[in-house]
């Protein structure tokens, strides 16, 4: 029976999609329960599931899962910076930005945090990555840094030296890669997003 699940692959699917693959079993909840109990189906949130890699042969992506748990959203902040290898610390909360209300979901893959961003700033600096196994929305390094500054209380970057200290010592950002970042994305964010003055100080550091 379980080979039907291979059709779904590693893309999260609703309970309706899953149950439709097994028309011979009566009762949608019964189908889902059986598949969960066997470990073939992994619950992401109520009504949303991922198929076990042992069935599909494809690895699951937490970034893709994050996109599906609470759409429309994109992975950002520490999670995106870590994905790009720009910060050394492991990240245990998958952070995403959304134009909807802020929410948090917890499942066996981790804690998925969604933080509100205004509609104007949302589309700035988003990219789609296709790594061969999955395709997902994630902030560019520049956007991830802007979002992180915008959502973090008490960050008020007024001077270049304090900005350099924040990035290199507090955030432990790879500064060689920082100086390769695109100024235009920071400028776009500063025109529509929060903490515009702090973002403009980051721009000044890049220009210097």
C-alpha atoms as a PDB file:
ATOM      1  CA  UNK A   1       0.000   0.000   0.000  1.00  0.00           C
ATOM      2  CA  UNK A   2       2.716   2.459   0.985  1.00  0.00           C
ATOM      3  CA  UNK A   3       4.290   2.672  -2.459  1.00  0.00           C
ATOM      4  CA  UNK A   4       1.462   5.056  -3.430  1.00  0.00           C
ATOM      5  CA  UNK A   5       3.078   7.695  -1.230  1.00  0.00           C
ATOM      6  CA  UNK A   6       6.081   7.877  -3.537  1.00  0.00           C
ATOM      7  CA  UNK A   7       3.953  10.024  -5.846  1.00  0.00           C
ATOM      8  CA  UNK A   8       4.009  12.838  -3.282  1.00  0.00           C
ATOM      9  CA  UNK A   9       7.787  12.848  -2.976  1.00  0.00           C
ATOM     10  CA  UNK A  10       9.259  15.236  -0.416  1.00  0.00           C
ATOM     11  CA  UNK A  11       6.665  17.990  -0.881  1.00  0.00           C
ATOM     12  CA  UNK A  12       4.337  18.475   2.136  1.00  0.00           C
ATOM     13  CA  UNK A  13       0.789  17.340   1.374  1.00  0.00           C
ATOM     14  CA  UNK A  14      -2.654  17.854   2.895  1.00  0.00           C
ATOM     15  CA  UNK A  15      -4.625  14.984   4.409  1.00  0.00           C
ATOM     16  CA  UNK A  16      -7.009  15.139   1.439  1.00  0.00           C
ATOM     17  CA  UNK A  17      -4.170  14.593  -1.025  1.00  0.00           C
ATOM     18  CA  UNK A  18      -2.790  11.696   1.005  1.00  0.00           C
ATOM     19  CA  UNK A  19      -6.123   9.954   1.496  1.00  0.00           C
ATOM     20  CA  UNK A  20      -6.963  10.283  -2.209  1.00  0.00           C
ATOM     21  CA  UNK A  21      -4.101   7.898  -2.963  1.00  0.00           C
ATOM     22  CA  UNK A  22      -5.869   5.080  -1.122  1.00  0.00           C
ATOM     23  CA  UNK A  23      -9.437   4.887  -2.439  1.00  0.00           C
ATOM     24  CA  UNK A  24      -9.723   1.278  -1.282  1.00  0.00           C
ATOM     25  CA  UNK A  25      -9.668   2.379   2.373  1.00  0.00           C
ATOM     26  CA  UNK A  26     -12.863   3.935   3.630  1.00  0.00           C
ATOM     27  CA  UNK A  27     -12.604   6.875   5.988  1.00  0.00           C
ATOM     28  CA  UNK A  28     -10.039   9.644   5.514  1.00  0.00           C
ATOM     29  CA  UNK A  29      -9.012   9.756   9.170  1.00  0.00           C
ATOM     30  CA  UNK A  30      -8.478   5.998   9.225  1.00  0.00           C
ATOM     31  CA  UNK A  31      -6.075   6.211   6.307  1.00  0.00           C
ATOM     32  CA  UNK A  32      -4.067   9.009   7.887  1.00  0.00           C
ATOM     33  CA  UNK A  33      -3.961   7.277  11.268  1.00  0.00           C
ATOM     34  CA  UNK A  34      -2.671   4.051   9.760  1.00  0.00           C
ATOM     35  CA  UNK A  35       0.073   5.814   7.842  1.00  0.00           C
ATOM     36  CA  UNK A  36       1.158   7.882  10.847  1.00  0.00           C
ATOM     37  CA  UNK A  37       1.267   4.821  13.094  1.00  0.00           C
ATOM     38  CA  UNK A  38       3.471   2.978  10.616  1.00  0.00           C
ATOM     39  CA  UNK A  39       5.855   5.943  10.438  1.00  0.00           C
ATOM     40  CA  UNK A  40       5.300   6.345   6.714  1.00  0.00           C
ATOM     41  CA  UNK A  41       3.585   9.686   7.224  1.00  0.00           C
ATOM     42  CA  UNK A  42       4.997  12.473   9.410  1.00  0.00           C
ATOM     43  CA  UNK A  43       2.735  15.156  10.838  1.00  0.00           C
ATOM     44  CA  UNK A  44       3.889  18.737  10.257  1.00  0.00           C
ATOM     45  CA  UNK A  45       0.775  20.403  11.647  1.00  0.00           C
ATOM     46  CA  UNK A  46      -2.909  19.612  11.703  1.00  0.00           C
ATOM     47  CA  UNK A  47      -3.901  18.541   8.199  1.00  0.00           C
ATOM     48  CA  UNK A  48      -0.385  18.735   6.710  1.00  0.00           C
ATOM     49  CA  UNK A  49       2.048  15.851   6.368  1.00  0.00           C
ATOM     50  CA  UNK A  50       5.383  14.811   4.899  1.00  0.00           C
ATOM     51  CA  UNK A  51       6.155  11.374   3.541  1.00  0.00           C
ATOM     52  CA  UNK A  52       9.014   9.556   5.261  1.00  0.00           C
ATOM     53  CA  UNK A  53      12.267   9.522   3.262  1.00  0.00           C
ATOM     54  CA  UNK A  54      12.361   5.735   3.700  1.00  0.00           C
ATOM     55  CA  UNK A  55       9.366   5.610   1.338  1.00  0.00           C
ATOM     56  CA  UNK A  56      10.364   8.252  -1.209  1.00  0.00           C
ATOM     57  CA  UNK A  57      14.142   7.946  -1.084  1.00  0.00           C
ATOM     58  CA  UNK A  58      14.259  11.756  -1.028  1.00  0.00           C
ATOM     59  CA  UNK A  59      15.542  13.843   1.908  1.00  0.00           C
ATOM     60  CA  UNK A  60      13.190  16.290   3.585  1.00  0.00           C
ATOM     61  CA  UNK A  61      14.083  19.989   3.547  1.00  0.00           C
ATOM     62  CA  UNK A  62      13.222  22.055   6.633  1.00  0.00           C
ATOM     63  CA  UNK A  63      13.226  25.133   4.410  1.00  0.00           C
ATOM     64  CA  UNK A  64      10.597  23.620   2.112  1.00  0.00           C
ATOM     65  CA  UNK A  65       8.620  22.416   5.123  1.00  0.00           C
ATOM     66  CA  UNK A  66       8.752  25.942   6.570  1.00  0.00           C
ATOM     67  CA  UNK A  67       7.330  27.394   3.342  1.00  0.00           C
ATOM     68  CA  UNK A  68       4.378  24.996   3.490  1.00  0.00           C
ATOM     69  CA  UNK A  69       3.502  25.083   7.183  1.00  0.00           C
ATOM     70  CA  UNK A  70       2.473  28.734   7.061  1.00  0.00           C
ATOM     71  CA  UNK A  71       2.239  30.160   3.536  1.00  0.00           C
ATOM     72  CA  UNK A  72       2.919  32.700   2.192  1.00  0.00           C
ATOM     73  CA  UNK A  73       6.328  32.941   3.875  1.00  0.00           C
ATOM     74  CA  UNK A  74      10.070  32.708   3.264  1.00  0.00           C
ATOM     75  CA  UNK A  75      12.964  31.513   5.432  1.00  0.00           C
ATOM     76  CA  UNK A  76      15.017  34.385   6.831  1.00  0.00           C
ATOM     77  CA  UNK A  77      17.066  35.849   9.707  1.00  0.00           C
ATOM     78  CA  UNK A  78      19.453  33.461  11.510  1.00  0.00           C
ATOM     79  CA  UNK A  79      18.076  30.474   9.597  1.00  0.00           C
ATOM     80  CA  UNK A  80      18.899  31.951   6.192  1.00  0.00           C
ATOM     81  CA  UNK A  81      22.286  33.282   7.301  1.00  0.00           C
ATOM     82  CA  UNK A  82      23.171  29.828   8.624  1.00  0.00           C
ATOM     83  CA  UNK A  83      21.931  28.194   5.414  1.00  0.00           C
ATOM     84  CA  UNK A  84      24.390  30.327   3.440  1.00  0.00           C
ATOM     85  CA  UNK A  85      27.189  29.555   5.922  1.00  0.00           C
ATOM     86  CA  UNK A  86      27.505  33.206   6.959  1.00  0.00           C
ATOM     87  CA  UNK A  87      27.259  32.564  10.703  1.00  0.00           C
ATOM     88  CA  UNK A  88      28.945  29.686  12.586  1.00  0.00           C
ATOM     89  CA  UNK A  89      26.301  28.781  15.163  1.00  0.00           C
ATOM     90  CA  UNK A  90      23.761  26.034  14.649  1.00  0.00           C
ATOM     91  CA  UNK A  91      20.189  27.324  14.443  1.00  0.00           C
ATOM     92  CA  UNK A  92      17.514  25.422  16.346  1.00  0.00           C
ATOM     93  CA  UNK A  93      14.531  27.616  15.442  1.00  0.00           C
ATOM     94  CA  UNK A  94      13.591  27.885  11.770  1.00  0.00           C
ATOM     95  CA  UNK A  95      12.729  31.557  11.326  1.00  0.00           C
ATOM     96  CA  UNK A  96      10.509  32.807   8.512  1.00  0.00           C
ATOM     97  CA  UNK A  97       8.827  36.078   7.613  1.00  0.00           C
ATOM     98  CA  UNK A  98       5.157  36.385   6.674  1.00  0.00           C
ATOM     99  CA  UNK A  99       2.648  39.133   5.979  1.00  0.00           C
ATOM    100  CA  UNK A 100       0.168  37.249   8.166  1.00  0.00           C
ATOM    101  CA  UNK A 101       0.041  37.199  11.974  1.00  0.00           C
ATOM    102  CA  UNK A 102       3.130  35.935  13.778  1.00  0.00           C
ATOM    103  CA  UNK A 103       2.858  32.278  14.766  1.00  0.00           C
ATOM    104  CA  UNK A 104       4.931  29.348  16.004  1.00  0.00           C
ATOM    105  CA  UNK A 105       4.580  25.662  15.118  1.00  0.00           C
ATOM    106  CA  UNK A 106       6.444  22.767  16.735  1.00  0.00           C
ATOM    107  CA  UNK A 107       6.826  19.294  15.252  1.00  0.00           C
ATOM    108  CA  UNK A 108       9.458  16.564  15.148  1.00  0.00           C
ATOM    109  CA  UNK A 109      11.545  18.613  12.719  1.00  0.00           C
ATOM    110  CA  UNK A 110      11.877  21.544  15.106  1.00  0.00           C
ATOM    111  CA  UNK A 111      10.361  24.866  16.066  1.00  0.00           C
ATOM    112  CA  UNK A 112       9.094  26.942  13.147  1.00  0.00           C
ATOM    113  CA  UNK A 113       8.726  30.636  13.970  1.00  0.00           C
ATOM    114  CA  UNK A 114       6.887  33.044  11.666  1.00  0.00           C
ATOM    115  CA  UNK A 115       7.355  36.783  12.166  1.00  0.00           C
ATOM    116  CA  UNK A 116       5.186  39.504  10.658  1.00  0.00           C
ATOM    117  CA  UNK A 117       6.595  41.808   8.003  1.00  0.00           C
ATOM    118  CA  UNK A 118       4.710  44.539   6.157  1.00  0.00           C
ATOM    119  CA  UNK A 119       3.473  43.956   2.610  1.00  0.00           C
ATOM    120  CA  UNK A 120       5.836  46.527   1.096  1.00  0.00           C
ATOM    121  CA  UNK A 121       9.002  44.986   2.524  1.00  0.00           C
ATOM    122  CA  UNK A 122       7.971  41.361   1.985  1.00  0.00           C
ATOM    123  CA  UNK A 123       9.011  40.948  -1.703  1.00  0.00           C
ATOM    124  CA  UNK A 124      12.341  42.747  -1.388  1.00  0.00           C
ATOM    125  CA  UNK A 125      15.298  40.376  -1.638  1.00  0.00           C
ATOM    126  CA  UNK A 126      13.536  37.013  -1.833  1.00  0.00           C
ATOM    127  CA  UNK A 127      15.045  34.232  -3.928  1.00  0.00           C
ATOM    128  CA  UNK A 128      13.982  30.727  -4.879  1.00  0.00           C
ATOM    129  CA  UNK A 129      16.576  28.021  -4.415  1.00  0.00           C
ATOM    130  CA  UNK A 130      16.422  24.702  -6.210  1.00  0.00           C
ATOM    131  CA  UNK A 131      19.046  22.360  -4.786  1.00  0.00           C
ATOM    132  CA  UNK A 132      18.108  19.395  -6.941  1.00  0.00           C
ATOM    133  CA  UNK A 133      16.040  17.750  -4.223  1.00  0.00           C
ATOM    134  CA  UNK A 134      13.678  20.585  -3.313  1.00  0.00           C
ATOM    135  CA  UNK A 135      12.752  24.140  -4.216  1.00  0.00           C
ATOM    136  CA  UNK A 136      11.930  26.791  -1.631  1.00  0.00           C
ATOM    137  CA  UNK A 137      11.720  30.532  -0.941  1.00  0.00           C
ATOM    138  CA  UNK A 138      14.446  32.061   1.190  1.00  0.00           C
ATOM    139  CA  UNK A 139      15.783  35.541   1.853  1.00  0.00           C
ATOM    140  CA  UNK A 140      18.965  36.615   0.127  1.00  0.00           C
ATOM    141  CA  UNK A 141      21.807  37.182   2.612  1.00  0.00           C
ATOM    142  CA  UNK A 142      21.111  40.925   2.438  1.00  0.00           C
ATOM    143  CA  UNK A 143      17.381  40.509   3.144  1.00  0.00           C
ATOM    144  CA  UNK A 144      18.046  38.030   5.951  1.00  0.00           C
ATOM    145  CA  UNK A 145      20.328  40.548   7.643  1.00  0.00           C
ATOM    146  CA  UNK A 146      17.776  43.346   7.210  1.00  0.00           C
ATOM    147  CA  UNK A 147      14.998  41.196   8.663  1.00  0.00           C
ATOM    148  CA  UNK A 148      17.177  40.184  11.594  1.00  0.00           C
ATOM    149  CA  UNK A 149      17.979  43.804  12.442  1.00  0.00           C
ATOM    150  CA  UNK A 150      14.333  44.821  12.006  1.00  0.00           C
ATOM    151  CA  UNK A 151      12.904  42.169  14.365  1.00  0.00           C
ATOM    152  CA  UNK A 152      15.542  42.291  17.083  1.00  0.00           C
ATOM    153  CA  UNK A 153      14.652  44.596  20.002  1.00  0.00           C
ATOM    154  CA  UNK A 154      17.228  47.093  21.227  1.00  0.00           C
ATOM    155  CA  UNK A 155      19.226  47.104  17.982  1.00  0.00           C
ATOM    156  CA  UNK A 156      19.755  50.703  16.930  1.00  0.00           C
ATOM    157  CA  UNK A 157      22.780  51.010  14.667  1.00  0.00           C
ATOM    158  CA  UNK A 158      23.806  54.650  14.562  1.00  0.00           C
ATOM    159  CA  UNK A 159      27.562  54.512  14.006  1.00  0.00           C
ATOM    160  CA  UNK A 160      29.766  52.545  11.643  1.00  0.00           C
ATOM    161  CA  UNK A 161      32.053  51.158  14.362  1.00  0.00           C
ATOM    162  CA  UNK A 162      29.185  49.844  16.493  1.00  0.00           C
ATOM    163  CA  UNK A 163      27.676  48.313  13.350  1.00  0.00           C
ATOM    164  CA  UNK A 164      30.949  46.553  12.587  1.00  0.00           C
ATOM    165  CA  UNK A 165      31.079  45.279  16.177  1.00  0.00           C
ATOM    166  CA  UNK A 166      27.501  44.004  16.008  1.00  0.00           C
ATOM    167  CA  UNK A 167      28.094  42.144  12.756  1.00  0.00           C
ATOM    168  CA  UNK A 168      31.548  40.716  13.447  1.00  0.00           C
ATOM    169  CA  UNK A 169      31.361  40.028  17.198  1.00  0.00           C
ATOM    170  CA  UNK A 170      27.713  39.750  18.252  1.00  0.00           C
ATOM    171  CA  UNK A 171      26.395  38.087  15.105  1.00  0.00           C
ATOM    172  CA  UNK A 172      29.782  36.584  14.146  1.00  0.00           C
ATOM    173  CA  UNK A 173      28.995  37.234  10.519  1.00  0.00           C
ATOM    174  CA  UNK A 174      31.555  36.306   7.868  1.00  0.00           C
ATOM    175  CA  UNK A 175      32.784  39.833   7.149  1.00  0.00           C
ATOM    176  CA  UNK A 176      34.568  38.908   3.927  1.00  0.00           C
ATOM    177  CA  UNK A 177      31.216  37.787   2.529  1.00  0.00           C
ATOM    178  CA  UNK A 178      29.462  40.802   4.045  1.00  0.00           C
ATOM    179  CA  UNK A 179      31.569  43.196   1.976  1.00  0.00           C
ATOM    180  CA  UNK A 180      30.420  41.355  -1.171  1.00  0.00           C
ATOM    181  CA  UNK A 181      26.728  42.005  -0.435  1.00  0.00           C
ATOM    182  CA  UNK A 182      24.519  44.041  -2.755  1.00  0.00           C
ATOM    183  CA  UNK A 183      23.889  47.584  -1.571  1.00  0.00           C
ATOM    184  CA  UNK A 184      20.755  47.946  -3.709  1.00  0.00           C
ATOM    185  CA  UNK A 185      18.848  45.346  -1.673  1.00  0.00           C
ATOM    186  CA  UNK A 186      19.647  47.210   1.556  1.00  0.00           C
ATOM    187  CA  UNK A 187      18.536  50.453  -0.096  1.00  0.00           C
ATOM    188  CA  UNK A 188      15.245  48.924  -1.227  1.00  0.00           C
ATOM    189  CA  UNK A 189      14.615  47.566   2.272  1.00  0.00           C
ATOM    190  CA  UNK A 190      15.438  50.880   3.934  1.00  0.00           C
ATOM    191  CA  UNK A 191      12.820  52.600   1.790  1.00  0.00           C
ATOM    192  CA  UNK A 192       9.950  50.335   2.893  1.00  0.00           C
ATOM    193  CA  UNK A 193      10.974  48.302   5.951  1.00  0.00           C
ATOM    194  CA  UNK A 194      11.548  48.827   9.659  1.00  0.00           C
ATOM    195  CA  UNK A 195      14.755  50.151  11.264  1.00  0.00           C
ATOM    196  CA  UNK A 196      15.548  52.221   8.181  1.00  0.00           C
ATOM    197  CA  UNK A 197      18.226  54.238   9.983  1.00  0.00           C
ATOM    198  CA  UNK A 198      20.014  51.085  11.114  1.00  0.00           C
ATOM    199  CA  UNK A 199      19.882  49.671   7.597  1.00  0.00           C
ATOM    200  CA  UNK A 200      21.328  52.900   6.211  1.00  0.00           C
ATOM    201  CA  UNK A 201      24.226  52.632   8.677  1.00  0.00           C
ATOM    202  CA  UNK A 202      24.908  49.144   7.311  1.00  0.00           C
ATOM    203  CA  UNK A 203      24.947  50.697   3.836  1.00  0.00           C
ATOM    204  CA  UNK A 204      27.526  53.251   4.989  1.00  0.00           C
ATOM    205  CA  UNK A 205      29.733  50.439   6.311  1.00  0.00           C
ATOM    206  CA  UNK A 206      29.487  48.640   2.970  1.00  0.00           C
ATOM    207  CA  UNK A 207      30.347  51.809   1.071  1.00  0.00           C
ATOM    208  CA  UNK A 208      33.415  52.370   3.229  1.00  0.00           C
END
